[in-house]
Amino acid sequence: MTTLDARYPLTMVCGVGQVHITRMTRSDAPGVSAFASALPPHDLLFMRRDISQPKVVDAWVKEIEAGTIDSLVARVGADVVGCSGIVRDPLSFSPHVGELRVVVSPELREQGLGRVLIQESFLIALDRGVEKLVAHMTADQRAAMAVFEDLGFRPEGLLRDHVRTAEGAKHDIVILSHDVERLDAHMNAYGLGEAFD
């Protein structure tokens, strides 16, 4: 638990109506698996593991319960339409770094949900003391990259032919990063700094 838990549930309005954002818990696992299974496979290539697999989601929930992952789930009614996660490894040489992962249903893209999930994840990262955030995505996810860059992320690396589809097609992975000082400035610019006041 963090000092931000009182923020949730959070409600926003998209083209489909009200979207409710909550902290992810074990009870969300079946809905997240169903959401991920319905996504085009290409949308999951930037993830380190295939979250459409229930055993992967179960491992994810265990990491949430252990405190090394903080995740949010977005729902319209009972259906999961998006999720995000801040993944940290406190036993590594980079305990100050968090990896930000965000995925949104194709029907809700370009309606602000991805941006809200990123901004809320920013707040969680700051609350957790994360000093640097990184995000991975395939090089052709230009709309997603534009949202991240608009929020202050900058390209830091390119891994050529780093992921492969079930059909054998290889894709490059772009690594974007953001440090806390710039992050904090952007949070204040978007009016989210008062969350810590």
N, C-alpha and C. Protein backbone atom coordinates (compact mmCIF):
# COMPACT_ATOMS: atom_id res chain seq x y z
N MET A 1 0.84 -1.19 0.00
CA MET A 1 0.00 0.00 0.00
C MET A 1 0.87 1.25 0.00
N THR A 2 0.39 2.29 -0.68
CA THR A 2 1.13 3.54 -0.71
C THR A 2 0.20 4.66 -0.27
N THR A 3 0.78 5.85 -0.15
CA THR A 3 -0.01 7.01 0.27
C THR A 3 -1.02 7.43 -0.80
N LEU A 4 -0.92 6.86 -2.01
CA LEU A 4 -1.82 7.24 -3.09
C LEU A 4 -3.08 6.38 -3.17
N ASP A 5 -3.17 5.36 -2.33
CA ASP A 5 -4.30 4.44 -2.47
C ASP A 5 -5.66 5.13 -2.34
N ALA A 6 -5.72 6.23 -1.62
CA ALA A 6 -6.98 6.95 -1.47
C ALA A 6 -7.47 7.57 -2.78
N ARG A 7 -6.59 7.66 -3.78
CA ARG A 7 -6.99 8.21 -5.09
C ARG A 7 -7.94 7.29 -5.84
N TYR A 8 -7.93 6.01 -5.49
CA TYR A 8 -8.65 5.02 -6.28
C TYR A 8 -9.83 4.46 -5.50
N PRO A 9 -10.95 4.18 -6.19
CA PRO A 9 -11.10 4.21 -7.63
C PRO A 9 -11.17 5.64 -8.19
N LEU A 10 -10.69 5.76 -9.42
CA LEU A 10 -10.68 7.02 -10.15
C LEU A 10 -11.58 6.84 -11.37
N THR A 11 -12.40 7.83 -11.67
CA THR A 11 -13.31 7.73 -12.81
C THR A 11 -12.99 8.81 -13.83
N MET A 12 -12.96 8.40 -15.11
CA MET A 12 -12.79 9.35 -16.20
C MET A 12 -13.84 9.03 -17.26
N VAL A 13 -14.06 9.99 -18.15
CA VAL A 13 -15.03 9.80 -19.22
C VAL A 13 -14.30 9.72 -20.55
N CYS A 14 -14.58 8.63 -21.28
CA CYS A 14 -14.05 8.45 -22.64
C CYS A 14 -15.25 8.40 -23.59
N GLY A 15 -14.97 8.16 -24.86
CA GLY A 15 -16.04 8.07 -25.84
C GLY A 15 -17.03 6.96 -25.53
N VAL A 16 -16.58 5.93 -24.81
CA VAL A 16 -17.47 4.82 -24.48
C VAL A 16 -18.24 5.05 -23.20
N GLY A 17 -17.98 6.15 -22.52
CA GLY A 17 -18.65 6.44 -21.26
C GLY A 17 -17.66 6.47 -20.11
N GLN A 18 -18.10 6.06 -18.94
CA GLN A 18 -17.25 6.13 -17.75
C GLN A 18 -16.27 4.96 -17.70
N VAL A 19 -15.03 5.29 -17.39
CA VAL A 19 -13.99 4.29 -17.19
C VAL A 19 -13.55 4.41 -15.73
N HIS A 20 -13.52 3.29 -15.03
CA HIS A 20 -13.11 3.26 -13.63
C HIS A 20 -11.73 2.64 -13.52
N ILE A 21 -10.83 3.34 -12.85
CA ILE A 21 -9.45 2.89 -12.69
C ILE A 21 -9.22 2.55 -11.23
N THR A 22 -8.73 1.34 -10.99
CA THR A 22 -8.47 0.86 -9.63
C THR A 22 -7.10 0.21 -9.57
N ARG A 23 -6.63 -0.01 -8.36
CA ARG A 23 -5.43 -0.82 -8.15
C ARG A 23 -5.74 -2.26 -8.55
N MET A 24 -4.81 -2.91 -9.20
CA MET A 24 -5.01 -4.31 -9.58
C MET A 24 -4.80 -5.22 -8.38
N THR A 25 -5.71 -6.19 -8.22
CA THR A 25 -5.61 -7.19 -7.16
C THR A 25 -5.82 -8.57 -7.79
N ARG A 26 -5.70 -9.58 -6.96
CA ARG A 26 -5.87 -10.97 -7.45
C ARG A 26 -7.23 -11.17 -8.12
N SER A 27 -8.25 -10.51 -7.63
CA SER A 27 -9.59 -10.70 -8.21
C SER A 27 -9.68 -10.18 -9.64
N ASP A 28 -8.73 -9.33 -10.05
CA ASP A 28 -8.74 -8.80 -11.41
C ASP A 28 -8.10 -9.75 -12.43
N ALA A 29 -7.41 -10.79 -11.95
CA ALA A 29 -6.64 -11.66 -12.84
C ALA A 29 -7.45 -12.25 -13.99
N PRO A 30 -8.63 -12.83 -13.76
CA PRO A 30 -9.38 -13.39 -14.89
C PRO A 30 -9.75 -12.34 -15.94
N GLY A 31 -10.15 -11.15 -15.49
CA GLY A 31 -10.51 -10.09 -16.42
C GLY A 31 -9.32 -9.59 -17.21
N VAL A 32 -8.16 -9.50 -16.58
CA VAL A 32 -6.94 -9.07 -17.27
C VAL A 32 -6.54 -10.11 -18.31
N SER A 33 -6.62 -11.40 -17.95
CA SER A 33 -6.30 -12.47 -18.91
C SER A 33 -7.23 -12.42 -20.12
N ALA A 34 -8.53 -12.22 -19.86
CA ALA A 34 -9.50 -12.15 -20.95
C ALA A 34 -9.22 -10.93 -21.83
N PHE A 35 -8.92 -9.78 -21.21
CA PHE A 35 -8.58 -8.56 -21.95
C PHE A 35 -7.36 -8.79 -22.83
N ALA A 36 -6.30 -9.35 -22.27
CA ALA A 36 -5.07 -9.57 -23.02
C ALA A 36 -5.27 -10.56 -24.15
N SER A 37 -6.09 -11.59 -23.92
CA SER A 37 -6.34 -12.60 -24.94
C SER A 37 -7.09 -12.03 -26.14
N ALA A 38 -7.87 -10.98 -25.91
CA ALA A 38 -8.65 -10.37 -27.00
C ALA A 38 -7.85 -9.35 -27.80
N LEU A 39 -6.66 -8.97 -27.31
CA LEU A 39 -5.84 -7.98 -28.01
C LEU A 39 -5.16 -8.61 -29.23
N PRO A 40 -4.89 -7.81 -30.26
CA PRO A 40 -4.05 -8.31 -31.35
C PRO A 40 -2.69 -8.74 -30.78
N PRO A 41 -2.16 -9.90 -31.16
CA PRO A 41 -0.89 -10.38 -30.58
C PRO A 41 0.24 -9.35 -30.66
N HIS A 42 0.25 -8.54 -31.72
CA HIS A 42 1.31 -7.54 -31.88
C HIS A 42 1.33 -6.54 -30.73
N ASP A 43 0.15 -6.29 -30.14
CA ASP A 43 0.05 -5.30 -29.06
C ASP A 43 0.79 -5.73 -27.79
N LEU A 44 1.12 -7.00 -27.69
CA LEU A 44 1.77 -7.50 -26.48
C LEU A 44 3.27 -7.74 -26.66
N LEU A 45 3.80 -7.47 -27.84
CA LEU A 45 5.20 -7.80 -28.12
C LEU A 45 6.18 -7.04 -27.24
N PHE A 46 5.80 -5.85 -26.76
CA PHE A 46 6.73 -5.07 -25.94
C PHE A 46 6.82 -5.59 -24.51
N MET A 47 5.88 -6.45 -24.12
CA MET A 47 5.91 -7.03 -22.78
C MET A 47 6.99 -8.11 -22.71
N ARG A 48 7.57 -8.28 -21.56
CA ARG A 48 8.58 -9.33 -21.41
C ARG A 48 7.97 -10.72 -21.41
N ARG A 49 6.70 -10.80 -21.00
CA ARG A 49 5.99 -12.09 -20.99
C ARG A 49 4.61 -11.90 -21.58
N ASP A 50 4.02 -13.00 -22.02
CA ASP A 50 2.71 -12.99 -22.67
C ASP A 50 1.62 -12.95 -21.61
N ILE A 51 1.05 -11.77 -21.38
CA ILE A 51 0.05 -11.63 -20.31
C ILE A 51 -1.32 -12.20 -20.69
N SER A 52 -1.43 -12.77 -21.88
CA SER A 52 -2.68 -13.47 -22.20
C SER A 52 -2.68 -14.87 -21.57
N GLN A 53 -1.54 -15.30 -21.03
CA GLN A 53 -1.44 -16.61 -20.38
C GLN A 53 -1.79 -16.48 -18.89
N PRO A 54 -2.77 -17.22 -18.40
CA PRO A 54 -3.16 -17.12 -16.98
C PRO A 54 -2.00 -17.32 -16.01
N LYS A 55 -1.05 -18.21 -16.32
CA LYS A 55 0.06 -18.43 -15.39
C LYS A 55 0.97 -17.20 -15.31
N VAL A 56 1.04 -16.44 -16.40
CA VAL A 56 1.83 -15.20 -16.39
C VAL A 56 1.12 -14.15 -15.54
N VAL A 57 -0.20 -14.06 -15.69
CA VAL A 57 -0.97 -13.10 -14.88
C VAL A 57 -0.90 -13.50 -13.40
N ASP A 58 -0.91 -14.80 -13.12
CA ASP A 58 -0.80 -15.25 -11.73
C ASP A 58 0.55 -14.83 -11.14
N ALA A 59 1.63 -14.98 -11.92
CA ALA A 59 2.95 -14.54 -11.46
C ALA A 59 2.97 -13.03 -11.26
N TRP A 60 2.29 -12.30 -12.13
CA TRP A 60 2.17 -10.84 -12.04
C TRP A 60 1.50 -10.47 -10.71
N VAL A 61 0.38 -11.13 -10.41
CA VAL A 61 -0.34 -10.85 -9.16
C VAL A 61 0.55 -11.12 -7.94
N LYS A 62 1.32 -12.19 -7.99
CA LYS A 62 2.23 -12.50 -6.87
C LYS A 62 3.25 -11.40 -6.68
N GLU A 63 3.74 -10.81 -7.78
CA GLU A 63 4.69 -9.71 -7.68
C GLU A 63 4.02 -8.44 -7.14
N ILE A 64 2.75 -8.24 -7.48
CA ILE A 64 1.99 -7.12 -6.90
C ILE A 64 1.90 -7.31 -5.40
N GLU A 65 1.55 -8.53 -4.99
CA GLU A 65 1.40 -8.82 -3.56
C GLU A 65 2.73 -8.73 -2.83
N ALA A 66 3.84 -9.00 -3.55
CA ALA A 66 5.18 -8.90 -2.95
C ALA A 66 5.68 -7.46 -2.91
N GLY A 67 5.02 -6.56 -3.65
CA GLY A 67 5.39 -5.15 -3.63
C GLY A 67 6.41 -4.74 -4.67
N THR A 68 6.72 -5.59 -5.65
CA THR A 68 7.69 -5.20 -6.68
C THR A 68 7.03 -4.72 -7.96
N ILE A 69 5.72 -4.89 -8.06
CA ILE A 69 4.96 -4.35 -9.19
C ILE A 69 3.77 -3.59 -8.61
N ASP A 70 3.50 -2.42 -9.17
CA ASP A 70 2.28 -1.66 -8.87
C ASP A 70 1.50 -1.57 -10.17
N SER A 71 0.26 -2.03 -10.15
CA SER A 71 -0.54 -2.04 -11.38
C SER A 71 -1.90 -1.39 -11.17
N LEU A 72 -2.37 -0.81 -12.26
CA LEU A 72 -3.71 -0.24 -12.32
C LEU A 72 -4.51 -0.98 -13.38
N VAL A 73 -5.81 -1.09 -13.16
CA VAL A 73 -6.73 -1.71 -14.11
C VAL A 73 -7.82 -0.72 -14.43
N ALA A 74 -8.14 -0.59 -15.72
CA ALA A 74 -9.23 0.28 -16.17
C ALA A 74 -10.38 -0.61 -16.66
N ARG A 75 -11.59 -0.27 -16.21
CA ARG A 75 -12.77 -1.06 -16.59
C ARG A 75 -13.88 -0.16 -17.11
N VAL A 76 -14.62 -0.71 -18.07
CA VAL A 76 -15.91 -0.16 -18.48
C VAL A 76 -16.92 -1.21 -18.09
N GLY A 77 -17.73 -0.91 -17.09
CA GLY A 77 -18.60 -1.93 -16.53
C GLY A 77 -17.72 -3.01 -15.90
N ALA A 78 -17.96 -4.26 -16.29
CA ALA A 78 -17.18 -5.38 -15.75
C ALA A 78 -15.97 -5.71 -16.61
N ASP A 79 -15.85 -5.06 -17.79
CA ASP A 79 -14.81 -5.43 -18.74
C ASP A 79 -13.54 -4.62 -18.54
N VAL A 80 -12.40 -5.31 -18.49
CA VAL A 80 -11.10 -4.64 -18.44
C VAL A 80 -10.81 -4.07 -19.83
N VAL A 81 -10.46 -2.78 -19.87
CA VAL A 81 -10.17 -2.11 -21.15
C VAL A 81 -8.75 -1.54 -21.18
N GLY A 82 -8.01 -1.71 -20.10
CA GLY A 82 -6.64 -1.22 -20.08
C GLY A 82 -5.98 -1.55 -18.76
N CYS A 83 -4.66 -1.53 -18.75
CA CYS A 83 -3.92 -1.76 -17.51
C CYS A 83 -2.53 -1.15 -17.65
N SER A 84 -1.93 -0.93 -16.51
CA SER A 84 -0.56 -0.40 -16.48
C SER A 84 0.18 -1.03 -15.32
N GLY A 85 1.50 -0.96 -15.40
CA GLY A 85 2.31 -1.50 -14.32
C GLY A 85 3.64 -0.78 -14.22
N ILE A 86 4.10 -0.62 -13.00
CA ILE A 86 5.46 -0.16 -12.73
C ILE A 86 6.19 -1.36 -12.14
N VAL A 87 7.19 -1.84 -12.87
CA VAL A 87 7.93 -3.04 -12.46
C VAL A 87 9.28 -2.62 -11.94
N ARG A 88 9.59 -3.06 -10.71
CA ARG A 88 10.87 -2.74 -10.09
C ARG A 88 11.56 -4.02 -9.65
N ASP A 89 12.88 -3.98 -9.58
CA ASP A 89 13.65 -5.13 -9.08
C ASP A 89 14.58 -4.64 -7.98
N PRO A 90 14.12 -4.67 -6.73
CA PRO A 90 14.92 -4.12 -5.63
C PRO A 90 16.21 -4.90 -5.37
N LEU A 91 16.34 -6.11 -5.92
CA LEU A 91 17.55 -6.91 -5.70
C LEU A 91 18.58 -6.74 -6.82
N SER A 92 18.26 -5.93 -7.82
CA SER A 92 19.18 -5.72 -8.94
C SER A 92 20.11 -4.55 -8.64
N PHE A 93 20.99 -4.24 -9.60
CA PHE A 93 21.84 -3.07 -9.48
C PHE A 93 21.10 -1.80 -9.92
N SER A 94 19.83 -1.94 -10.25
CA SER A 94 19.02 -0.79 -10.67
C SER A 94 17.73 -0.71 -9.86
N PRO A 95 17.84 -0.70 -8.54
CA PRO A 95 16.61 -0.65 -7.73
C PRO A 95 15.88 0.68 -7.85
N HIS A 96 16.58 1.69 -8.39
CA HIS A 96 15.99 3.03 -8.54
C HIS A 96 15.23 3.18 -9.86
N VAL A 97 15.24 2.14 -10.68
CA VAL A 97 14.63 2.19 -12.01
C VAL A 97 13.34 1.39 -12.01
N GLY A 98 12.31 1.95 -12.65
CA GLY A 98 11.06 1.24 -12.83
C GLY A 98 10.74 1.14 -14.30
N GLU A 99 10.21 0.00 -14.71
CA GLU A 99 9.76 -0.15 -16.10
C GLU A 99 8.26 0.07 -16.15
N LEU A 100 7.84 1.00 -16.99
CA LEU A 100 6.42 1.33 -17.13
C LEU A 100 5.84 0.56 -18.31
N ARG A 101 4.77 -0.17 -18.05
CA ARG A 101 4.08 -0.92 -19.10
C ARG A 101 2.63 -0.48 -19.12
N VAL A 102 2.14 -0.14 -20.30
CA VAL A 102 0.75 0.32 -20.46
C VAL A 102 0.16 -0.32 -21.71
N VAL A 103 -1.03 -0.85 -21.58
CA VAL A 103 -1.74 -1.38 -22.75
C VAL A 103 -3.22 -1.02 -22.61
N VAL A 104 -3.79 -0.58 -23.73
CA VAL A 104 -5.18 -0.12 -23.76
C VAL A 104 -5.90 -0.81 -24.91
N SER A 105 -7.16 -1.11 -24.71
CA SER A 105 -7.99 -1.71 -25.74
C SER A 105 -7.99 -0.84 -27.00
N PRO A 106 -7.90 -1.44 -28.19
CA PRO A 106 -7.90 -0.66 -29.44
C PRO A 106 -9.08 0.31 -29.54
N GLU A 107 -10.23 -0.07 -28.99
CA GLU A 107 -11.43 0.77 -29.08
C GLU A 107 -11.31 2.05 -28.26
N LEU A 108 -10.40 2.08 -27.29
CA LEU A 108 -10.29 3.25 -26.42
C LEU A 108 -9.01 4.05 -26.66
N ARG A 109 -8.26 3.70 -27.68
CA ARG A 109 -7.04 4.44 -27.94
C ARG A 109 -7.36 5.80 -28.52
N GLU A 110 -6.46 6.74 -28.25
CA GLU A 110 -6.61 8.13 -28.71
C GLU A 110 -7.82 8.79 -28.08
N GLN A 111 -8.24 8.32 -26.91
CA GLN A 111 -9.34 8.94 -26.17
C GLN A 111 -8.89 9.41 -24.79
N GLY A 112 -7.59 9.30 -24.52
CA GLY A 112 -7.05 9.82 -23.27
C GLY A 112 -6.82 8.81 -22.18
N LEU A 113 -7.28 7.56 -22.35
CA LEU A 113 -7.11 6.57 -21.30
C LEU A 113 -5.64 6.21 -21.11
N GLY A 114 -4.92 6.01 -22.19
CA GLY A 114 -3.50 5.69 -22.07
C GLY A 114 -2.74 6.78 -21.35
N ARG A 115 -3.04 8.01 -21.68
CA ARG A 115 -2.38 9.15 -21.03
C ARG A 115 -2.68 9.17 -19.53
N VAL A 116 -3.94 8.92 -19.16
CA VAL A 116 -4.30 8.91 -17.73
C VAL A 116 -3.58 7.77 -17.01
N LEU A 117 -3.52 6.59 -17.61
CA LEU A 117 -2.82 5.47 -16.98
C LEU A 117 -1.34 5.78 -16.81
N ILE A 118 -0.74 6.45 -17.79
CA ILE A 118 0.67 6.83 -17.67
C ILE A 118 0.84 7.85 -16.55
N GLN A 119 -0.01 8.87 -16.51
CA GLN A 119 0.10 9.90 -15.48
C GLN A 119 -0.10 9.32 -14.08
N GLU A 120 -1.07 8.44 -13.95
CA GLU A 120 -1.30 7.82 -12.63
C GLU A 120 -0.11 6.94 -12.25
N SER A 121 0.45 6.26 -13.22
CA SER A 121 1.63 5.43 -12.96
C SER A 121 2.82 6.30 -12.57
N PHE A 122 2.92 7.49 -13.16
CA PHE A 122 3.95 8.46 -12.76
C PHE A 122 3.85 8.73 -11.26
N LEU A 123 2.62 9.01 -10.81
CA LEU A 123 2.42 9.33 -9.40
C LEU A 123 2.85 8.17 -8.51
N ILE A 124 2.50 6.97 -8.91
CA ILE A 124 2.86 5.79 -8.13
C ILE A 124 4.38 5.63 -8.11
N ALA A 125 5.03 5.84 -9.26
CA ALA A 125 6.49 5.72 -9.33
C ALA A 125 7.16 6.73 -8.40
N LEU A 126 6.67 7.95 -8.41
CA LEU A 126 7.24 8.97 -7.53
C LEU A 126 7.01 8.60 -6.07
N ASP A 127 5.83 8.11 -5.77
CA ASP A 127 5.51 7.72 -4.40
C ASP A 127 6.40 6.57 -3.93
N ARG A 128 6.79 5.71 -4.87
CA ARG A 128 7.65 4.57 -4.56
C ARG A 128 9.14 4.93 -4.53
N GLY A 129 9.46 6.17 -4.87
CA GLY A 129 10.87 6.58 -4.85
C GLY A 129 11.64 6.19 -6.09
N VAL A 130 10.94 5.86 -7.17
CA VAL A 130 11.60 5.53 -8.43
C VAL A 130 12.28 6.78 -8.97
N GLU A 131 13.53 6.66 -9.39
CA GLU A 131 14.29 7.80 -9.90
C GLU A 131 14.32 7.87 -11.42
N LYS A 132 14.09 6.74 -12.08
CA LYS A 132 14.11 6.70 -13.54
C LYS A 132 13.05 5.71 -14.00
N LEU A 133 12.31 6.10 -15.03
CA LEU A 133 11.34 5.20 -15.64
C LEU A 133 11.78 4.87 -17.06
N VAL A 134 11.60 3.62 -17.46
CA VAL A 134 11.84 3.23 -18.84
C VAL A 134 10.58 2.59 -19.39
N ALA A 135 10.39 2.71 -20.68
CA ALA A 135 9.25 2.09 -21.35
C ALA A 135 9.76 1.45 -22.64
N HIS A 136 9.27 0.27 -22.95
CA HIS A 136 9.62 -0.44 -24.17
C HIS A 136 8.41 -0.48 -25.07
N MET A 137 8.62 -0.36 -26.37
CA MET A 137 7.55 -0.55 -27.34
C MET A 137 8.14 -0.89 -28.69
N THR A 138 7.34 -1.52 -29.54
CA THR A 138 7.84 -1.83 -30.87
C THR A 138 7.95 -0.53 -31.66
N ALA A 139 8.88 -0.51 -32.59
CA ALA A 139 9.20 0.73 -33.31
C ALA A 139 8.03 1.26 -34.13
N ASP A 140 7.07 0.40 -34.46
CA ASP A 140 5.94 0.85 -35.27
C ASP A 140 4.77 1.37 -34.43
N GLN A 141 4.90 1.39 -33.12
CA GLN A 141 3.83 1.91 -32.26
C GLN A 141 3.99 3.42 -32.11
N ARG A 142 3.83 4.12 -33.21
CA ARG A 142 4.13 5.54 -33.27
C ARG A 142 3.19 6.39 -32.41
N ALA A 143 1.91 6.04 -32.39
CA ALA A 143 0.97 6.81 -31.58
C ALA A 143 1.31 6.70 -30.10
N ALA A 144 1.65 5.49 -29.65
CA ALA A 144 2.03 5.30 -28.25
C ALA A 144 3.30 6.07 -27.94
N MET A 145 4.27 6.02 -28.85
CA MET A 145 5.52 6.76 -28.63
C MET A 145 5.26 8.25 -28.52
N ALA A 146 4.34 8.76 -29.34
CA ALA A 146 4.03 10.19 -29.31
C ALA A 146 3.46 10.59 -27.95
N VAL A 147 2.61 9.75 -27.35
CA VAL A 147 2.05 10.06 -26.02
C VAL A 147 3.17 10.08 -24.98
N PHE A 148 4.03 9.07 -25.00
CA PHE A 148 5.13 9.01 -24.04
C PHE A 148 6.06 10.22 -24.21
N GLU A 149 6.40 10.55 -25.45
CA GLU A 149 7.30 11.68 -25.68
C GLU A 149 6.65 12.99 -25.27
N ASP A 150 5.34 13.12 -25.48
CA ASP A 150 4.63 14.32 -25.06
C ASP A 150 4.69 14.49 -23.54
N LEU A 151 4.82 13.37 -22.82
CA LEU A 151 4.91 13.42 -21.36
C LEU A 151 6.35 13.46 -20.86
N GLY A 152 7.29 13.66 -21.78
CA GLY A 152 8.68 13.87 -21.37
C GLY A 152 9.63 12.71 -21.54
N PHE A 153 9.15 11.56 -22.01
CA PHE A 153 10.04 10.45 -22.28
C PHE A 153 10.87 10.75 -23.52
N ARG A 154 12.10 10.24 -23.55
CA ARG A 154 12.98 10.43 -24.69
C ARG A 154 13.58 9.09 -25.11
N PRO A 155 13.76 8.89 -26.43
CA PRO A 155 14.38 7.63 -26.89
C PRO A 155 15.78 7.47 -26.30
N GLU A 156 16.05 6.26 -25.84
CA GLU A 156 17.35 6.00 -25.26
C GLU A 156 18.06 4.83 -25.93
N GLY A 157 17.31 3.99 -26.61
CA GLY A 157 17.95 2.85 -27.26
C GLY A 157 17.04 2.15 -28.24
N LEU A 158 17.66 1.35 -29.10
CA LEU A 158 16.92 0.56 -30.08
C LEU A 158 17.52 -0.84 -30.08
N LEU A 159 16.68 -1.83 -29.86
CA LEU A 159 17.10 -3.23 -29.89
C LEU A 159 16.56 -3.85 -31.18
N ARG A 160 17.42 -4.07 -32.12
CA ARG A 160 16.99 -4.58 -33.43
C ARG A 160 16.58 -6.05 -33.36
N ASP A 161 15.48 -6.35 -34.05
CA ASP A 161 14.97 -7.73 -34.14
C ASP A 161 14.89 -8.39 -32.76
N HIS A 162 14.43 -7.66 -31.78
CA HIS A 162 14.49 -8.11 -30.39
C HIS A 162 13.33 -9.02 -29.98
N VAL A 163 12.19 -8.87 -30.65
CA VAL A 163 11.04 -9.73 -30.34
C VAL A 163 10.57 -10.41 -31.62
N ARG A 164 9.92 -11.56 -31.43
CA ARG A 164 9.49 -12.34 -32.59
C ARG A 164 8.06 -12.82 -32.38
N THR A 165 7.23 -12.68 -33.40
CA THR A 165 5.85 -13.15 -33.32
C THR A 165 5.81 -14.67 -33.44
N ALA A 166 4.64 -15.25 -33.16
CA ALA A 166 4.48 -16.69 -33.29
C ALA A 166 4.74 -17.15 -34.73
N GLU A 167 4.51 -16.23 -35.69
CA GLU A 167 4.74 -16.56 -37.10
C GLU A 167 6.19 -16.38 -37.51
N GLY A 168 7.02 -15.87 -36.61
CA GLY A 168 8.44 -15.72 -36.90
C GLY A 168 8.88 -14.33 -37.34
N ALA A 169 7.95 -13.37 -37.45
CA ALA A 169 8.32 -12.01 -37.85
C ALA A 169 9.03 -11.31 -36.69
N LYS A 170 10.16 -10.68 -36.98
CA LYS A 170 10.93 -10.00 -35.94
C LYS A 170 10.63 -8.50 -35.96
N HIS A 171 10.69 -7.90 -34.76
CA HIS A 171 10.42 -6.47 -34.62
C HIS A 171 11.47 -5.83 -33.72
N ASP A 172 11.76 -4.56 -34.03
CA ASP A 172 12.67 -3.78 -33.19
C ASP A 172 11.93 -3.29 -31.96
N ILE A 173 12.65 -3.14 -30.87
CA ILE A 173 12.10 -2.56 -29.64
C ILE A 173 12.79 -1.23 -29.38
N VAL A 174 11.99 -0.19 -29.16
CA VAL A 174 12.50 1.13 -28.80
C VAL A 174 12.42 1.26 -27.29
N ILE A 175 13.49 1.80 -26.68
CA ILE A 175 13.51 2.04 -25.24
C ILE A 175 13.45 3.55 -25.02
N LEU A 176 12.45 3.99 -24.28
CA LEU A 176 12.29 5.39 -23.91
C LEU A 176 12.56 5.51 -22.41
N SER A 177 13.03 6.66 -21.98
CA SER A 177 13.26 6.84 -20.55
C SER A 177 12.87 8.24 -20.09
N HIS A 178 12.71 8.36 -18.79
CA HIS A 178 12.31 9.62 -18.17
C HIS A 178 12.91 9.65 -16.78
N ASP A 179 13.56 10.74 -16.39
CA ASP A 179 14.08 10.80 -15.03
C ASP A 179 13.15 11.58 -14.12
N VAL A 180 13.35 11.43 -12.82
CA VAL A 180 12.41 11.97 -11.84
C VAL A 180 12.29 13.48 -11.90
N GLU A 181 13.39 14.19 -12.08
CA GLU A 181 13.32 15.66 -12.09
C GLU A 181 12.43 16.13 -13.22
N ARG A 182 12.60 15.58 -14.42
CA ARG A 182 11.73 15.95 -15.53
C ARG A 182 10.32 15.45 -15.28
N LEU A 183 10.23 14.25 -14.71
CA LEU A 183 8.93 13.68 -14.38
C LEU A 183 8.15 14.60 -13.46
N ASP A 184 8.80 15.06 -12.40
CA ASP A 184 8.14 15.92 -11.43
C ASP A 184 7.68 17.22 -12.08
N ALA A 185 8.53 17.78 -12.95
CA ALA A 185 8.16 19.02 -13.66
C ALA A 185 6.94 18.79 -14.53
N HIS A 186 6.89 17.64 -15.21
CA HIS A 186 5.74 17.35 -16.06
C HIS A 186 4.49 17.09 -15.24
N MET A 187 4.64 16.43 -14.09
CA MET A 187 3.47 16.19 -13.24
C MET A 187 2.86 17.52 -12.81
N ASN A 188 3.73 18.46 -12.44
CA ASN A 188 3.22 19.77 -12.03
C ASN A 188 2.59 20.50 -13.22
N ALA A 189 3.18 20.34 -14.40
CA ALA A 189 2.63 20.99 -15.60
C ALA A 189 1.25 20.46 -15.93
N TYR A 190 1.01 19.18 -15.62
CA TYR A 190 -0.30 18.59 -15.88
C TYR A 190 -1.24 18.68 -14.70
N GLY A 191 -0.81 19.42 -13.66
CA GLY A 191 -1.68 19.66 -12.52
C GLY A 191 -1.79 18.49 -11.57
N LEU A 192 -0.82 17.55 -11.63
CA LEU A 192 -0.89 16.39 -10.76
C LEU A 192 0.01 16.50 -9.55
N GLY A 193 0.80 17.58 -9.46
CA GLY A 193 1.71 17.73 -8.35
C GLY A 193 1.02 17.84 -7.02
N GLU A 194 -0.22 18.32 -7.02
CA GLU A 194 -0.91 18.50 -5.73
C GLU A 194 -1.24 17.18 -5.07
N ALA A 195 -1.08 16.07 -5.78
CA ALA A 195 -1.34 14.77 -5.17
C ALA A 195 -0.43 14.51 -3.99
N PHE A 196 0.73 15.20 -3.96
CA PHE A 196 1.68 15.00 -2.88
C PHE A 196 1.62 16.11 -1.84
N ASP A 197 0.72 17.08 -2.05
CA ASP A 197 0.63 18.20 -1.11
C ASP A 197 -0.17 17.81 0.12
